[in-house]
N, C-alpha and C. Protein backbone atom coordinates (compact mmCIF):
# COMPACT_ATOMS: atom_id res chain seq x y z
N MET A 1 111.75 82.41 131.02
CA MET A 1 111.63 82.77 129.71
C MET A 1 110.16 81.90 129.17
N ALA A 2 109.40 82.61 128.61
CA ALA A 2 108.15 81.94 128.07
C ALA A 2 108.42 81.60 126.69
N VAL A 3 107.56 80.56 126.27
CA VAL A 3 107.82 80.13 124.84
C VAL A 3 106.44 80.01 124.19
N ALA A 4 106.29 80.48 123.02
CA ALA A 4 104.83 80.52 122.22
C ALA A 4 105.50 80.05 120.86
N ALA A 5 104.68 79.04 120.43
CA ALA A 5 105.04 78.47 118.91
C ALA A 5 106.36 78.51 118.44
N GLY A 6 107.15 78.03 119.39
CA GLY A 6 108.74 77.80 119.16
C GLY A 6 109.48 78.97 119.10
N PHE A 7 108.97 79.99 119.56
CA PHE A 7 109.71 81.33 119.63
C PHE A 7 110.02 81.68 120.97
N ALA A 8 111.09 82.17 121.25
CA ALA A 8 111.38 82.76 122.72
C ALA A 8 110.74 84.03 122.81
N LEU A 9 110.21 84.46 123.94
CA LEU A 9 109.76 85.57 124.30
C LEU A 9 110.58 86.21 125.43
N ALA A 10 111.68 86.76 125.03
CA ALA A 10 112.69 87.26 126.06
C ALA A 10 112.39 88.54 126.49
N GLY A 11 112.96 89.01 127.59
CA GLY A 11 112.91 90.38 128.14
C GLY A 11 111.58 90.75 128.89
N ALA A 12 111.52 91.91 129.23
CA ALA A 12 110.45 92.57 129.85
C ALA A 12 109.09 92.32 129.02
N GLY A 13 108.05 91.98 129.64
CA GLY A 13 106.78 91.84 129.10
C GLY A 13 106.59 90.39 128.38
N ALA A 14 107.32 89.53 128.86
CA ALA A 14 107.18 88.12 128.16
C ALA A 14 105.76 87.60 128.36
N GLU A 15 105.36 87.82 129.55
CA GLU A 15 103.99 87.21 129.88
C GLU A 15 102.95 87.95 129.00
N ALA A 16 103.22 89.28 128.89
CA ALA A 16 102.09 89.83 128.06
C ALA A 16 102.16 89.38 126.62
N ALA A 17 103.50 89.37 126.17
CA ALA A 17 103.64 88.81 124.79
C ALA A 17 103.09 87.43 124.68
N LEU A 18 103.22 86.57 125.65
CA LEU A 18 102.75 85.20 125.49
C LEU A 18 101.22 85.26 125.55
N ALA A 19 100.58 86.25 126.25
CA ALA A 19 99.16 86.23 126.25
C ALA A 19 98.72 86.74 124.85
N GLN A 20 99.42 87.76 124.23
CA GLN A 20 99.23 88.19 122.81
C GLN A 20 99.47 86.96 121.99
N SER A 21 100.37 86.16 122.09
CA SER A 21 100.61 85.17 121.19
C SER A 21 99.41 84.27 121.08
N ALA A 22 98.85 83.84 122.31
CA ALA A 22 97.66 83.12 122.38
C ALA A 22 96.59 83.62 121.51
N ALA A 23 96.45 84.92 121.50
CA ALA A 23 95.41 85.71 120.81
C ALA A 23 95.88 85.75 119.26
N GLY A 24 97.06 85.42 118.82
CA GLY A 24 97.55 85.29 117.55
C GLY A 24 98.33 86.57 117.04
N ALA A 25 98.48 87.43 118.06
CA ALA A 25 99.22 88.78 117.67
C ALA A 25 100.70 88.56 117.21
N LEU A 26 101.25 87.42 117.63
CA LEU A 26 102.67 87.00 117.25
C LEU A 26 102.71 86.06 116.18
N ALA A 27 101.58 85.75 115.69
CA ALA A 27 101.50 84.64 114.68
C ALA A 27 102.05 85.20 113.22
N VAL A 28 102.62 84.30 112.44
CA VAL A 28 102.95 84.64 111.14
C VAL A 28 101.70 84.76 110.20
N VAL A 29 101.77 85.96 109.40
CA VAL A 29 100.66 86.19 108.69
C VAL A 29 101.32 86.36 107.38
N GLY A 30 100.88 85.42 106.43
CA GLY A 30 101.57 85.44 105.13
C GLY A 30 103.08 85.16 105.23
N ASP A 31 103.90 86.28 104.71
CA ASP A 31 105.22 86.12 104.83
C ASP A 31 105.86 87.06 105.95
N ALA A 32 105.21 87.43 107.08
CA ALA A 32 105.35 88.37 107.96
C ALA A 32 105.08 88.02 109.45
N ILE A 33 105.68 88.58 110.37
CA ILE A 33 105.46 88.75 111.78
C ILE A 33 104.93 90.24 111.88
N PRO A 34 103.71 90.55 111.78
CA PRO A 34 103.32 91.89 111.76
C PRO A 34 103.44 92.70 113.11
N VAL A 35 103.40 91.84 114.13
CA VAL A 35 103.40 92.65 115.47
C VAL A 35 104.92 92.45 116.18
N ALA A 36 105.37 93.45 116.80
CA ALA A 36 106.65 93.54 117.42
C ALA A 36 106.78 92.39 118.31
N LEU A 37 107.89 91.61 118.20
CA LEU A 37 108.28 90.55 119.27
C LEU A 37 108.20 90.97 120.72
N THR A 38 108.30 92.33 120.92
CA THR A 38 108.33 92.76 122.30
C THR A 38 107.06 92.92 122.84
N GLY A 39 106.01 92.49 122.15
CA GLY A 39 104.66 92.57 122.62
C GLY A 39 104.03 94.01 123.16
N ALA A 40 103.35 94.03 124.07
CA ALA A 40 102.70 95.29 124.55
C ALA A 40 103.63 96.19 125.33
N ASN A 41 104.72 95.76 125.75
CA ASN A 41 105.79 96.46 126.64
C ASN A 41 106.04 97.82 125.79
N ALA A 42 106.60 98.71 126.62
CA ALA A 42 106.94 100.13 126.09
C ALA A 42 108.22 100.19 125.34
N TYR A 43 108.86 99.07 124.88
CA TYR A 43 110.17 99.11 124.34
C TYR A 43 110.10 99.83 123.06
N VAL A 44 111.03 100.69 122.86
CA VAL A 44 111.18 101.57 121.69
C VAL A 44 112.38 101.01 120.91
N ALA A 45 112.36 100.60 119.77
CA ALA A 45 113.40 99.90 118.97
C ALA A 45 114.29 101.25 118.59
N ASP A 46 115.68 100.96 118.42
CA ASP A 46 116.55 101.94 118.11
C ASP A 46 117.42 101.30 117.08
N PRO A 47 117.42 102.29 115.92
CA PRO A 47 118.11 101.79 114.71
C PRO A 47 119.68 101.87 114.89
N LEU A 48 120.13 102.75 115.70
CA LEU A 48 121.51 102.78 116.00
C LEU A 48 122.19 101.49 116.63
N ARG A 49 121.32 101.15 117.72
CA ARG A 49 121.61 99.62 118.44
C ARG A 49 121.56 98.64 117.45
N GLY A 50 120.47 98.71 116.44
CA GLY A 50 120.33 97.72 115.37
C GLY A 50 121.64 97.63 114.56
N ARG A 51 122.16 98.78 114.02
CA ARG A 51 123.37 98.84 113.21
C ARG A 51 124.44 98.20 113.95
N GLU A 52 124.72 98.36 115.23
CA GLU A 52 125.73 97.88 115.87
C GLU A 52 125.51 96.38 116.03
N ILE A 53 124.35 95.92 116.14
CA ILE A 53 124.12 94.31 116.18
C ILE A 53 124.60 93.80 114.91
N VAL A 54 124.04 94.48 113.84
CA VAL A 54 124.36 93.91 112.40
C VAL A 54 125.81 93.95 112.32
N ARG A 55 126.56 94.89 112.54
CA ARG A 55 127.97 94.96 112.38
C ARG A 55 128.84 94.07 113.27
N ASN A 56 128.37 93.63 114.38
CA ASN A 56 128.93 92.98 115.58
C ASN A 56 129.14 91.60 115.04
N ARG A 57 130.47 91.27 114.84
CA ARG A 57 130.84 89.92 114.51
C ARG A 57 130.83 88.75 115.50
N GLN A 58 130.47 89.22 116.76
CA GLN A 58 130.35 88.24 117.81
C GLN A 58 128.91 87.96 118.25
N LEU A 59 128.07 88.90 117.83
CA LEU A 59 126.64 88.94 118.20
C LEU A 59 125.67 88.61 116.95
N GLY A 60 125.60 89.47 116.14
CA GLY A 60 124.69 89.23 114.97
C GLY A 60 125.24 88.43 114.04
N LEU A 61 126.51 88.68 113.68
CA LEU A 61 127.22 87.75 112.69
C LEU A 61 126.67 88.08 111.20
N CYS A 62 125.93 89.05 111.19
CA CYS A 62 125.22 89.34 109.75
C CYS A 62 126.24 89.56 108.65
N LEU A 63 127.41 90.15 108.86
CA LEU A 63 128.38 90.43 107.94
C LEU A 63 129.25 89.21 107.46
N LEU A 64 128.99 88.14 108.25
CA LEU A 64 129.64 86.97 107.53
C LEU A 64 129.07 86.51 106.19
N CYS A 65 127.78 86.79 106.04
CA CYS A 65 127.04 86.43 104.75
C CYS A 65 126.52 87.60 103.93
N HIS A 66 126.15 88.69 104.72
CA HIS A 66 125.61 89.94 103.95
C HIS A 66 126.85 90.92 103.76
N SER A 67 126.58 91.91 102.74
CA SER A 67 127.37 93.10 102.72
C SER A 67 126.33 94.19 102.85
N GLY A 68 126.75 95.41 103.09
CA GLY A 68 125.83 96.53 103.29
C GLY A 68 126.65 97.86 103.32
N PRO A 69 126.01 98.76 103.66
CA PRO A 69 126.63 100.16 103.62
C PRO A 69 127.41 100.42 104.87
N PHE A 70 128.49 99.64 104.97
CA PHE A 70 129.34 99.78 106.07
C PHE A 70 130.80 99.87 105.54
N PRO A 71 131.15 101.07 105.13
CA PRO A 71 132.55 101.30 104.52
C PRO A 71 133.62 100.91 105.37
N GLU A 72 133.33 101.16 106.72
CA GLU A 72 134.34 100.85 107.73
C GLU A 72 134.77 99.37 108.02
N GLU A 73 133.77 98.59 107.51
CA GLU A 73 134.01 97.15 107.69
C GLU A 73 134.60 96.32 106.71
N ARG A 74 135.59 95.61 106.99
CA ARG A 74 136.24 94.79 105.89
C ARG A 74 135.71 93.54 105.77
N LEU A 75 135.93 92.82 104.72
CA LEU A 75 135.46 91.38 104.55
C LEU A 75 134.06 91.21 104.89
N GLN A 76 133.18 91.97 104.14
CA GLN A 76 131.80 91.54 104.11
C GLN A 76 131.48 90.44 103.23
N GLY A 77 130.39 89.78 103.73
CA GLY A 77 130.00 88.51 103.02
C GLY A 77 129.36 88.77 101.73
N ASP A 78 129.37 87.63 100.95
CA ASP A 78 128.71 87.71 99.56
C ASP A 78 127.76 86.47 99.33
N LEU A 79 127.38 85.79 100.44
CA LEU A 79 126.67 84.54 100.19
C LEU A 79 125.00 84.94 100.25
N ALA A 80 124.73 86.00 100.81
CA ALA A 80 123.28 86.52 100.87
C ALA A 80 123.16 87.79 100.27
N THR A 81 122.00 88.31 100.24
CA THR A 81 121.67 89.49 99.70
C THR A 81 122.32 90.76 100.37
N ASP A 82 122.71 91.71 99.58
CA ASP A 82 123.23 92.94 100.10
C ASP A 82 122.25 93.58 100.75
N LEU A 83 122.50 94.15 102.07
CA LEU A 83 121.59 94.88 102.91
C LEU A 83 121.17 96.33 102.41
N LYS A 84 121.95 96.70 101.41
CA LYS A 84 121.52 98.09 100.78
C LYS A 84 120.07 97.93 100.19
N GLY A 85 119.20 98.94 100.51
CA GLY A 85 117.87 98.92 100.04
C GLY A 85 116.98 97.95 100.70
N THR A 86 117.36 97.35 101.86
CA THR A 86 116.44 96.40 102.54
C THR A 86 115.07 97.07 102.81
N GLY A 87 115.04 98.29 103.30
CA GLY A 87 113.92 99.01 103.55
C GLY A 87 112.92 99.10 102.58
N ASP A 88 113.46 99.19 101.39
CA ASP A 88 112.68 99.32 100.14
C ASP A 88 112.06 97.93 99.69
N ARG A 89 112.80 96.86 100.14
CA ARG A 89 112.33 95.57 99.54
C ARG A 89 111.27 94.91 100.49
N TRP A 90 111.39 95.10 101.87
CA TRP A 90 110.44 94.46 102.83
C TRP A 90 109.94 95.29 103.80
N SER A 91 108.95 94.83 104.46
CA SER A 91 108.27 95.64 105.41
C SER A 91 108.72 95.19 106.86
N ASP A 92 108.53 95.82 107.84
CA ASP A 92 108.92 95.59 109.18
C ASP A 92 108.67 94.00 109.53
N GLY A 93 107.40 93.65 109.24
CA GLY A 93 106.92 92.29 109.47
C GLY A 93 107.72 91.25 108.71
N GLN A 94 108.05 91.46 107.58
CA GLN A 94 108.58 90.76 106.55
C GLN A 94 110.12 90.48 107.05
N LEU A 95 110.63 91.62 107.46
CA LEU A 95 112.02 91.54 108.05
C LEU A 95 112.06 90.69 109.41
N ARG A 96 111.08 91.04 110.16
CA ARG A 96 111.04 90.37 111.47
C ARG A 96 110.91 88.85 111.28
N LEU A 97 110.26 88.35 110.31
CA LEU A 97 110.08 86.93 110.25
C LEU A 97 111.46 86.51 109.53
N ARG A 98 112.04 87.03 108.62
CA ARG A 98 113.40 86.67 108.04
C ARG A 98 114.40 86.48 109.11
N ILE A 99 114.36 87.33 110.04
CA ILE A 99 115.42 87.26 111.14
C ILE A 99 115.03 86.27 112.23
N ALA A 100 113.77 86.25 112.65
CA ALA A 100 113.31 85.36 113.57
C ALA A 100 113.40 83.91 113.30
N ASP A 101 113.03 83.65 111.99
CA ASP A 101 113.10 82.07 111.51
C ASP A 101 112.71 82.20 109.86
N SER A 102 113.79 82.38 109.19
CA SER A 102 113.69 82.53 107.77
C SER A 102 113.23 81.12 107.15
N SER A 103 113.41 80.03 107.89
CA SER A 103 113.11 78.91 107.36
C SER A 103 111.60 78.48 107.22
N ARG A 104 110.78 79.45 107.79
CA ARG A 104 109.40 79.55 107.63
C ARG A 104 109.09 79.87 106.13
N LEU A 105 110.02 80.59 105.40
CA LEU A 105 109.77 81.12 104.06
C LEU A 105 110.57 80.20 103.08
N ASN A 106 111.68 79.57 103.56
CA ASN A 106 112.44 78.68 102.71
C ASN A 106 113.22 77.65 103.70
N ALA A 107 112.75 76.49 103.54
CA ALA A 107 113.09 75.39 104.41
C ALA A 107 114.51 74.96 104.16
N ALA A 108 115.14 75.46 103.01
CA ALA A 108 116.58 75.05 102.68
C ALA A 108 117.47 76.37 102.96
N THR A 109 117.09 77.37 103.69
CA THR A 109 117.83 78.48 103.90
C THR A 109 118.96 78.29 104.73
N ILE A 110 120.15 78.93 104.48
CA ILE A 110 121.21 78.97 105.37
C ILE A 110 121.19 79.97 106.55
N MET A 111 120.28 80.92 106.45
CA MET A 111 120.08 81.86 107.33
C MET A 111 119.77 81.39 108.79
N PRO A 112 120.39 81.84 109.80
CA PRO A 112 120.24 81.32 111.08
C PRO A 112 118.79 81.80 111.48
N ALA A 113 118.25 80.98 112.34
CA ALA A 113 116.88 81.43 113.00
C ALA A 113 117.26 82.08 114.31
N TYR A 114 117.23 83.36 114.34
CA TYR A 114 117.77 84.08 115.49
C TYR A 114 116.79 84.21 116.66
N TYR A 115 115.59 83.77 116.42
CA TYR A 115 114.62 83.70 117.52
C TYR A 115 113.89 82.38 117.80
N LYS A 116 114.07 81.48 117.03
CA LYS A 116 113.54 80.11 117.22
C LYS A 116 114.41 79.39 118.26
N ILE A 117 113.67 78.61 118.99
CA ILE A 117 114.45 77.75 120.02
C ILE A 117 114.04 76.34 119.98
N GLU A 118 113.20 75.94 119.25
CA GLU A 118 112.76 74.53 119.11
C GLU A 118 113.00 74.04 117.76
N GLY A 119 113.16 72.64 117.78
CA GLY A 119 113.39 72.10 116.54
C GLY A 119 114.80 72.39 115.86
N LEU A 120 115.74 72.86 116.57
CA LEU A 120 117.08 73.08 115.99
C LEU A 120 118.00 71.81 116.42
N THR A 121 119.04 71.68 115.42
CA THR A 121 120.01 70.58 115.66
C THR A 121 121.37 71.23 116.05
N ARG A 122 122.12 70.47 116.61
CA ARG A 122 123.73 70.72 116.75
C ARG A 122 123.66 72.19 117.59
N VAL A 123 122.79 72.28 118.71
CA VAL A 123 122.93 73.43 119.55
C VAL A 123 123.84 73.06 120.84
N ALA A 124 124.79 73.77 121.03
CA ALA A 124 125.48 73.49 122.31
C ALA A 124 124.64 73.62 123.52
N SER A 125 124.81 72.80 124.55
CA SER A 125 123.91 72.76 125.71
C SER A 125 123.69 73.98 126.44
N ALA A 126 124.88 74.76 126.42
CA ALA A 126 124.78 76.10 127.07
C ALA A 126 123.80 77.02 126.40
N PHE A 127 123.67 76.81 125.03
CA PHE A 127 122.58 77.69 124.35
C PHE A 127 121.32 76.99 124.14
N GLN A 128 120.95 75.92 124.57
CA GLN A 128 119.61 75.30 124.17
C GLN A 128 118.59 75.94 124.95
N GLY A 129 117.49 76.34 124.32
CA GLY A 129 116.45 76.97 124.83
C GLY A 129 116.50 78.36 124.92
N LYS A 130 117.60 78.90 124.29
CA LYS A 130 117.80 80.50 124.36
C LYS A 130 117.91 81.03 122.78
N PRO A 131 117.30 82.01 122.57
CA PRO A 131 117.37 82.67 121.23
C PRO A 131 118.82 83.21 121.16
N VAL A 132 119.25 83.44 119.81
CA VAL A 132 120.43 84.05 119.49
C VAL A 132 120.40 85.56 119.89
N LEU A 133 119.34 86.04 119.45
CA LEU A 133 119.11 87.64 119.84
C LEU A 133 117.70 87.77 120.60
N SER A 134 117.63 88.66 121.44
CA SER A 134 116.37 88.80 122.24
C SER A 134 115.34 89.52 121.40
N ALA A 135 114.24 89.65 121.93
CA ALA A 135 113.05 90.24 121.08
C ALA A 135 113.48 91.77 120.97
N GLU A 136 114.00 92.38 121.86
CA GLU A 136 114.50 93.83 121.78
C GLU A 136 115.62 94.03 120.74
N GLN A 137 116.46 93.09 120.70
CA GLN A 137 117.62 93.03 119.72
C GLN A 137 117.04 92.99 118.36
N ILE A 138 116.28 92.03 118.03
CA ILE A 138 115.48 91.89 116.74
C ILE A 138 114.82 93.04 116.35
N GLU A 139 114.05 93.60 117.22
CA GLU A 139 113.38 95.04 116.79
C GLU A 139 114.24 96.11 116.68
N ASP A 140 115.39 96.14 117.32
CA ASP A 140 116.49 97.05 116.89
C ASP A 140 116.97 96.77 115.51
N VAL A 141 117.24 95.59 115.10
CA VAL A 141 117.76 95.25 113.76
C VAL A 141 116.80 95.69 112.81
N VAL A 142 115.52 95.20 113.09
CA VAL A 142 114.46 95.49 112.07
C VAL A 142 114.24 97.20 111.98
N ALA A 143 114.37 97.86 113.00
CA ALA A 143 114.44 99.48 112.96
C ALA A 143 115.46 99.85 112.22
N PHE A 144 116.73 99.20 112.22
CA PHE A 144 117.90 99.69 111.43
C PHE A 144 117.65 99.30 109.94
N LEU A 145 117.26 98.07 109.75
CA LEU A 145 117.28 97.68 108.26
C LEU A 145 116.22 98.38 107.57
N THR A 146 115.19 98.91 108.26
CA THR A 146 114.07 99.54 107.41
C THR A 146 114.56 101.07 107.07
N THR A 147 115.69 101.56 107.62
CA THR A 147 116.16 102.64 107.37
C THR A 147 117.14 102.65 106.10
N LEU A 148 117.34 101.32 105.69
CA LEU A 148 118.28 101.26 104.46
C LEU A 148 117.67 101.32 103.08
N ARG A 149 117.54 102.48 102.55
CA ARG A 149 116.77 102.72 101.38
C ARG A 149 117.80 103.15 100.16
N ASN A 150 117.32 102.78 98.91
CA ASN A 150 118.12 103.03 97.89
C ASN A 150 118.15 104.47 97.48
């Protein structure tokens, strides 16, 4: 697995993404990561896969803190913003940064850094150096969240 600027570059195309990172394509611009974390590979993000990651209480864990348009899900969180209307509030790039490492926007956030692998504390040894979600999974979640409109 390649690493650039503290972010994991997982999955196919990691070398290409690392090269793009050196050119600044994965760099944070303002309050966003404007380029997909999957880099130049041909990965096509799937909003349905993203929805399942958001709902999955063993993988994304999003519903521990967030609520959203999931009538079938009990016990949704209320610690963070409701996911309804997310696509109206933020761009793809803004969502990507918030998922990858929201501490870049708010150092006191309780939102986990799903793609950051350096500078973390209290990480079990089996998970050190590994992102919570792969680049492809983050792109799927971004694709789903952008469909949530008021």
